[in-house]
Amino acid sequence: MPIVEITLIEGRSDEAKIRLHAKVTDAIIEAIDAPRESVRIILREIPALHFGVGGVAKGAPKPG
């Protein structure tokens, strides 16, 4: 049973997350011939301040 964990910065719509579930499931089925009912997807949403790139938090206020 394939299990996929995806971490996202929070803020996407429910509709976008529903599309993500469907498209990732389809990709797994196509790639490894897994039965649809065996595919598990876990979405984890984190606040932007909990994600940094190059020492800068994604949600930090812009200086200026």
PDB file of N, CA and C in Angstrom:
ATOM      1  N   MET A   1       0.839  -1.167   0.000  1.00  0.00           N
ATOM      2  CA  MET A   1       0.000   0.000   0.000  1.00  0.00           C
ATOM      3  C   MET A   1       0.890   1.239   0.000  1.00  0.00           C
ATOM      4  N   PRO A   2       0.829   2.043  -1.056  1.00  0.00           N
ATOM      5  CA  PRO A   2       1.620   3.265  -1.087  1.00  0.00           C
ATOM      6  C   PRO A   2       1.048   4.312  -0.130  1.00  0.00           C
ATOM      7  N   ILE A   3       1.935   4.938   0.634  1.00  0.00           N
ATOM      8  CA  ILE A   3       1.547   6.026   1.527  1.00  0.00           C
ATOM      9  C   ILE A   3       2.412   7.228   1.173  1.00  0.00           C
ATOM     10  N   VAL A   4       1.775   8.339   0.833  1.00  0.00           N
ATOM     11  CA  VAL A   4       2.477   9.551   0.437  1.00  0.00           C
ATOM     12  C   VAL A   4       2.153  10.641   1.440  1.00  0.00           C
ATOM     13  N   GLU A   5       3.181  11.321   1.947  1.00  0.00           N
ATOM     14  CA  GLU A   5       2.989  12.467   2.838  1.00  0.00           C
ATOM     15  C   GLU A   5       3.433  13.718   2.101  1.00  0.00           C
ATOM     16  N   ILE A   6       2.576  14.727   2.095  1.00  0.00           N
ATOM     17  CA  ILE A   6       2.863  15.985   1.419  1.00  0.00           C
ATOM     18  C   ILE A   6       2.732  17.101   2.450  1.00  0.00           C
ATOM     19  N   THR A   7       3.766  17.923   2.556  1.00  0.00           N
ATOM     20  CA  THR A   7       3.735  19.058   3.467  1.00  0.00           C
ATOM     21  C   THR A   7       3.547  20.328   2.643  1.00  0.00           C
ATOM     22  N   LEU A   8       2.557  21.121   3.040  1.00  0.00           N
ATOM     23  CA  LEU A   8       2.218  22.364   2.337  1.00  0.00           C
ATOM     24  C   LEU A   8       2.206  23.520   3.313  1.00  0.00           C
ATOM     25  N   ILE A   9       2.525  24.702   2.815  1.00  0.00           N
ATOM     26  CA  ILE A   9       2.282  25.901   3.605  1.00  0.00           C
ATOM     27  C   ILE A   9       0.778  26.148   3.568  1.00  0.00           C
ATOM     28  N   GLU A  10       0.188  26.394   4.727  1.00  0.00           N
ATOM     29  CA  GLU A  10      -1.262  26.522   4.805  1.00  0.00           C
ATOM     30  C   GLU A  10      -1.768  27.684   3.958  1.00  0.00           C
ATOM     31  N   GLY A  11      -3.042  27.569   3.565  1.00  0.00           N
ATOM     32  CA  GLY A  11      -3.673  28.650   2.838  1.00  0.00           C
ATOM     33  C   GLY A  11      -4.344  28.247   1.538  1.00  0.00           C
ATOM     34  N   ARG A  12      -4.132  27.022   1.100  1.00  0.00           N
ATOM     35  CA  ARG A  12      -4.784  26.591  -0.140  1.00  0.00           C
ATOM     36  C   ARG A  12      -6.242  26.233   0.125  1.00  0.00           C
ATOM     37  N   SER A  13      -7.050  26.364  -0.892  1.00  0.00           N
ATOM     38  CA  SER A  13      -8.488  26.094  -0.756  1.00  0.00           C
ATOM     39  C   SER A  13      -8.750  24.595  -0.615  1.00  0.00           C
ATOM     40  N   ASP A  14      -9.909  24.273  -0.076  1.00  0.00           N
ATOM     41  CA  ASP A  14     -10.315  22.865   0.010  1.00  0.00           C
ATOM     42  C   ASP A  14     -10.360  22.244  -1.385  1.00  0.00           C
ATOM     43  N   GLU A  15     -10.839  23.007  -2.365  1.00  0.00           N
ATOM     44  CA  GLU A  15     -10.925  22.496  -3.736  1.00  0.00           C
ATOM     45  C   GLU A  15      -9.537  22.139  -4.276  1.00  0.00           C
ATOM     46  N   ALA A  16      -8.538  22.975  -3.977  1.00  0.00           N
ATOM     47  CA  ALA A  16      -7.173  22.688  -4.437  1.00  0.00           C
ATOM     48  C   ALA A  16      -6.640  21.412  -3.790  1.00  0.00           C
ATOM     49  N   LYS A  17      -6.923  21.226  -2.508  1.00  0.00           N
ATOM     50  CA  LYS A  17      -6.439  20.021  -1.818  1.00  0.00           C
ATOM     51  C   LYS A  17      -7.155  18.780  -2.340  1.00  0.00           C
ATOM     52  N   ILE A  18      -8.416  18.899  -2.671  1.00  0.00           N
ATOM     53  CA  ILE A  18      -9.158  17.774  -3.257  1.00  0.00           C
ATOM     54  C   ILE A  18      -8.551  17.397  -4.606  1.00  0.00           C
ATOM     55  N   ARG A  19      -8.226  18.400  -5.436  1.00  0.00           N
ATOM     56  CA  ARG A  19      -7.569  18.135  -6.729  1.00  0.00           C
ATOM     57  C   ARG A  19      -6.217  17.471  -6.532  1.00  0.00           C
ATOM     58  N   LEU A  20      -5.470  17.933  -5.531  1.00  0.00           N
ATOM     59  CA  LEU A  20      -4.155  17.358  -5.249  1.00  0.00           C
ATOM     60  C   LEU A  20      -4.280  15.877  -4.902  1.00  0.00           C
ATOM     61  N   HIS A  21      -5.226  15.540  -4.030  1.00  0.00           N
ATOM     62  CA  HIS A  21      -5.460  14.126  -3.688  1.00  0.00           C
ATOM     63  C   HIS A  21      -5.723  13.306  -4.948  1.00  0.00           C
ATOM     64  N   ALA A  22      -6.597  13.805  -5.803  1.00  0.00           N
ATOM     65  CA  ALA A  22      -6.983  13.053  -7.001  1.00  0.00           C
ATOM     66  C   ALA A  22      -5.808  12.881  -7.956  1.00  0.00           C
ATOM     67  N   LYS A  23      -5.062  13.951  -8.212  1.00  0.00           N
ATOM     68  CA  LYS A  23      -3.980  13.880  -9.191  1.00  0.00           C
ATOM     69  C   LYS A  23      -2.784  13.070  -8.688  1.00  0.00           C
ATOM     70  N   VAL A  24      -2.473  13.182  -7.401  1.00  0.00           N
ATOM     71  CA  VAL A  24      -1.375  12.378  -6.849  1.00  0.00           C
ATOM     72  C   VAL A  24      -1.760  10.897  -6.870  1.00  0.00           C
ATOM     73  N   THR A  25      -2.994  10.605  -6.527  1.00  0.00           N
ATOM     74  CA  THR A  25      -3.467   9.219  -6.594  1.00  0.00           C
ATOM     75  C   THR A  25      -3.338   8.678  -8.011  1.00  0.00           C
ATOM     76  N   ASP A  26      -3.794   9.452  -9.000  1.00  0.00           N
ATOM     77  CA  ASP A  26      -3.692   9.014 -10.402  1.00  0.00           C
ATOM     78  C   ASP A  26      -2.239   8.781 -10.804  1.00  0.00           C
ATOM     79  N   ALA A  27      -1.323   9.657 -10.360  1.00  0.00           N
ATOM     80  CA  ALA A  27       0.089   9.500 -10.704  1.00  0.00           C
ATOM     81  C   ALA A  27       0.670   8.225 -10.098  1.00  0.00           C
ATOM     82  N   ILE A  28       0.295   7.919  -8.869  1.00  0.00           N
ATOM     83  CA  ILE A  28       0.790   6.697  -8.223  1.00  0.00           C
ATOM     84  C   ILE A  28       0.269   5.467  -8.945  1.00  0.00           C
ATOM     85  N   ILE A  29      -1.000   5.483  -9.285  1.00  0.00           N
ATOM     86  CA  ILE A  29      -1.589   4.352 -10.017  1.00  0.00           C
ATOM     87  C   ILE A  29      -0.859   4.144 -11.337  1.00  0.00           C
ATOM     88  N   GLU A  30      -0.610   5.243 -12.068  1.00  0.00           N
ATOM     89  CA  GLU A  30       0.075   5.150 -13.357  1.00  0.00           C
ATOM     90  C   GLU A  30       1.517   4.677 -13.205  1.00  0.00           C
ATOM     91  N   ALA A  31       2.207   5.169 -12.183  1.00  0.00           N
ATOM     92  CA  ALA A  31       3.629   4.863 -12.026  1.00  0.00           C
ATOM     93  C   ALA A  31       3.898   3.441 -11.568  1.00  0.00           C
ATOM     94  N   ILE A  32       3.086   2.933 -10.646  1.00  0.00           N
ATOM     95  CA  ILE A  32       3.410   1.617 -10.063  1.00  0.00           C
ATOM     96  C   ILE A  32       2.264   0.610 -10.127  1.00  0.00           C
ATOM     97  N   ASP A  33       1.224   0.952 -10.866  1.00  0.00           N
ATOM     98  CA  ASP A  33       0.069   0.043 -11.017  1.00  0.00           C
ATOM     99  C   ASP A  33      -0.557  -0.346  -9.683  1.00  0.00           C
ATOM    100  N   ALA A  34      -0.573   0.586  -8.751  1.00  0.00           N
ATOM    101  CA  ALA A  34      -1.200   0.315  -7.452  1.00  0.00           C
ATOM    102  C   ALA A  34      -2.718   0.369  -7.602  1.00  0.00           C
ATOM    103  N   PRO A  35      -3.431  -0.492  -6.897  1.00  0.00           N
ATOM    104  CA  PRO A  35      -4.889  -0.381  -6.904  1.00  0.00           C
ATOM    105  C   PRO A  35      -5.315   0.943  -6.251  1.00  0.00           C
ATOM    106  N   ARG A  36      -6.271   1.633  -6.852  1.00  0.00           N
ATOM    107  CA  ARG A  36      -6.727   2.933  -6.348  1.00  0.00           C
ATOM    108  C   ARG A  36      -7.056   2.874  -4.858  1.00  0.00           C
ATOM    109  N   GLU A  37      -7.726   1.842  -4.435  1.00  0.00           N
ATOM    110  CA  GLU A  37      -8.162   1.761  -3.033  1.00  0.00           C
ATOM    111  C   GLU A  37      -7.015   1.532  -2.052  1.00  0.00           C
ATOM    112  N   SER A  38      -5.824   1.250  -2.579  1.00  0.00           N
ATOM    113  CA  SER A  38      -4.682   1.031  -1.684  1.00  0.00           C
ATOM    114  C   SER A  38      -3.864   2.302  -1.453  1.00  0.00           C
ATOM    115  N   VAL A  39      -4.130   3.358  -2.222  1.00  0.00           N
ATOM    116  CA  VAL A  39      -3.332   4.581  -2.145  1.00  0.00           C
ATOM    117  C   VAL A  39      -3.772   5.417  -0.948  1.00  0.00           C
ATOM    118  N   ARG A  40      -2.797   5.816  -0.135  1.00  0.00           N
ATOM    119  CA  ARG A  40      -3.049   6.664   1.038  1.00  0.00           C
ATOM    120  C   ARG A  40      -2.254   7.951   0.873  1.00  0.00           C
ATOM    121  N   ILE A  41      -2.903   9.089   1.116  1.00  0.00           N
ATOM    122  CA  ILE A  41      -2.241  10.383   1.020  1.00  0.00           C
ATOM    123  C   ILE A  41      -2.505  11.158   2.302  1.00  0.00           C
ATOM    124  N   ILE A  42      -1.433  11.710   2.867  1.00  0.00           N
ATOM    125  CA  ILE A  42      -1.543  12.523   4.078  1.00  0.00           C
ATOM    126  C   ILE A  42      -1.066  13.927   3.724  1.00  0.00           C
ATOM    127  N   LEU A  43      -1.935  14.910   3.888  1.00  0.00           N
ATOM    128  CA  LEU A  43      -1.553  16.303   3.691  1.00  0.00           C
ATOM    129  C   LEU A  43      -1.288  16.917   5.054  1.00  0.00           C
ATOM    130  N   ARG A  44      -0.136  17.558   5.185  1.00  0.00           N
ATOM    131  CA  ARG A  44       0.209  18.272   6.413  1.00  0.00           C
ATOM    132  C   ARG A  44       0.361  19.743   6.045  1.00  0.00           C
ATOM    133  N   GLU A  45      -0.379  20.574   6.746  1.00  0.00           N
ATOM    134  CA  GLU A  45      -0.284  22.005   6.507  1.00  0.00           C
ATOM    135  C   GLU A  45       0.453  22.663   7.663  1.00  0.00           C
ATOM    136  N   ILE A  46       1.379  23.548   7.315  1.00  0.00           N
ATOM    137  CA  ILE A  46       2.144  24.247   8.336  1.00  0.00           C
ATOM    138  C   ILE A  46       2.010  25.755   8.119  1.00  0.00           C
ATOM    139  N   PRO A  47       2.098  26.529   9.192  1.00  0.00           N
ATOM    140  CA  PRO A  47       2.077  27.983   9.043  1.00  0.00           C
ATOM    141  C   PRO A  47       3.316  28.446   8.271  1.00  0.00           C
ATOM    142  N   ALA A  48       3.174  29.526   7.527  1.00  0.00           N
ATOM    143  CA  ALA A  48       4.282  30.038   6.726  1.00  0.00           C
ATOM    144  C   ALA A  48       5.507  30.370   7.583  1.00  0.00           C
ATOM    145  N   LEU A  49       5.289  30.829   8.815  1.00  0.00           N
ATOM    146  CA  LEU A  49       6.415  31.148   9.689  1.00  0.00           C
ATOM    147  C   LEU A  49       7.199  29.912  10.131  1.00  0.00           C
ATOM    148  N   HIS A  50       6.644  28.743   9.911  1.00  0.00           N
ATOM    149  CA  HIS A  50       7.318  27.501  10.279  1.00  0.00           C
ATOM    150  C   HIS A  50       8.132  26.934   9.127  1.00  0.00           C
ATOM    151  N   PHE A  51       8.241  27.662   8.016  1.00  0.00           N
ATOM    152  CA  PHE A  51       8.975  27.204   6.845  1.00  0.00           C
ATOM    153  C   PHE A  51       9.951  28.296   6.431  1.00  0.00           C
ATOM    154  N   GLY A  52      11.220  27.949   6.333  1.00  0.00           N
ATOM    155  CA  GLY A  52      12.219  28.946   5.965  1.00  0.00           C
ATOM    156  C   GLY A  52      13.042  28.515   4.780  1.00  0.00           C
ATOM    157  N   VAL A  53      13.507  29.484   4.024  1.00  0.00           N
ATOM    158  CA  VAL A  53      14.395  29.243   2.888  1.00  0.00           C
ATOM    159  C   VAL A  53      15.561  30.208   3.012  1.00  0.00           C
ATOM    160  N   GLY A  54      16.760  29.674   3.045  1.00  0.00           N
ATOM    161  CA  GLY A  54      17.944  30.522   3.123  1.00  0.00           C
ATOM    162  C   GLY A  54      17.991  31.375   4.377  1.00  0.00           C
ATOM    163  N   GLY A  55      17.448  30.866   5.471  1.00  0.00           N
ATOM    164  CA  GLY A  55      17.479  31.587   6.738  1.00  0.00           C
ATOM    165  C   GLY A  55      16.361  32.597   6.916  1.00  0.00           C
ATOM    166  N   VAL A  56      15.417  32.627   5.962  1.00  0.00           N
ATOM    167  CA  VAL A  56      14.304  33.587   6.062  1.00  0.00           C
ATOM    168  C   VAL A  56      12.992  32.814   6.122  1.00  0.00           C
ATOM    169  N   ALA A  57      12.187  33.112   7.154  1.00  0.00           N
ATOM    170  CA  ALA A  57      10.879  32.467   7.283  1.00  0.00           C
ATOM    171  C   ALA A  57       9.988  32.939   6.138  1.00  0.00           C
ATOM    172  N   LYS A  58       9.296  31.996   5.534  1.00  0.00           N
ATOM    173  CA  LYS A  58       8.431  32.300   4.388  1.00  0.00           C
ATOM    174  C   LYS A  58       7.383  33.352   4.734  1.00  0.00           C
ATOM    175  N   GLY A  59       6.825  33.298   5.928  1.00  0.00           N
ATOM    176  CA  GLY A  59       5.763  34.219   6.308  1.00  0.00           C
ATOM    177  C   GLY A  59       6.237  35.461   7.021  1.00  0.00           C
ATOM    178  N   ALA A  60       7.550  35.687   7.067  1.00  0.00           N
ATOM    179  CA  ALA A  60       8.076  36.853   7.780  1.00  0.00           C
ATOM    180  C   ALA A  60       7.703  38.147   7.042  1.00  0.00           C
ATOM    181  N   PRO A  61       7.415  39.199   7.786  1.00  0.00           N
ATOM    182  CA  PRO A  61       7.121  40.488   7.130  1.00  0.00           C
ATOM    183  C   PRO A  61       8.334  40.960   6.334  1.00  0.00           C
ATOM    184  N   LYS A  62       8.058  41.561   5.202  1.00  0.00           N
ATOM    185  CA  LYS A  62       9.128  42.085   4.349  1.00  0.00           C
ATOM    186  C   LYS A  62       9.695  43.362   4.970  1.00  0.00           C
ATOM    187  N   PRO A  63      11.014  43.485   5.039  1.00  0.00           N
ATOM    188  CA  PRO A  63      11.590  44.728   5.584  1.00  0.00           C
ATOM    189  C   PRO A  63      11.288  45.897   4.643  1.00  0.00           C
ATOM    190  N   GLY A  64      11.115  47.038   5.243  1.00  0.00           N
ATOM    191  CA  GLY A  64      10.965  48.135   4.332  1.00  0.00           C
ATOM    192  C   GLY A  64      10.114  49.211   4.764  1.00  0.00           C
TER     193      GLY A  64
END
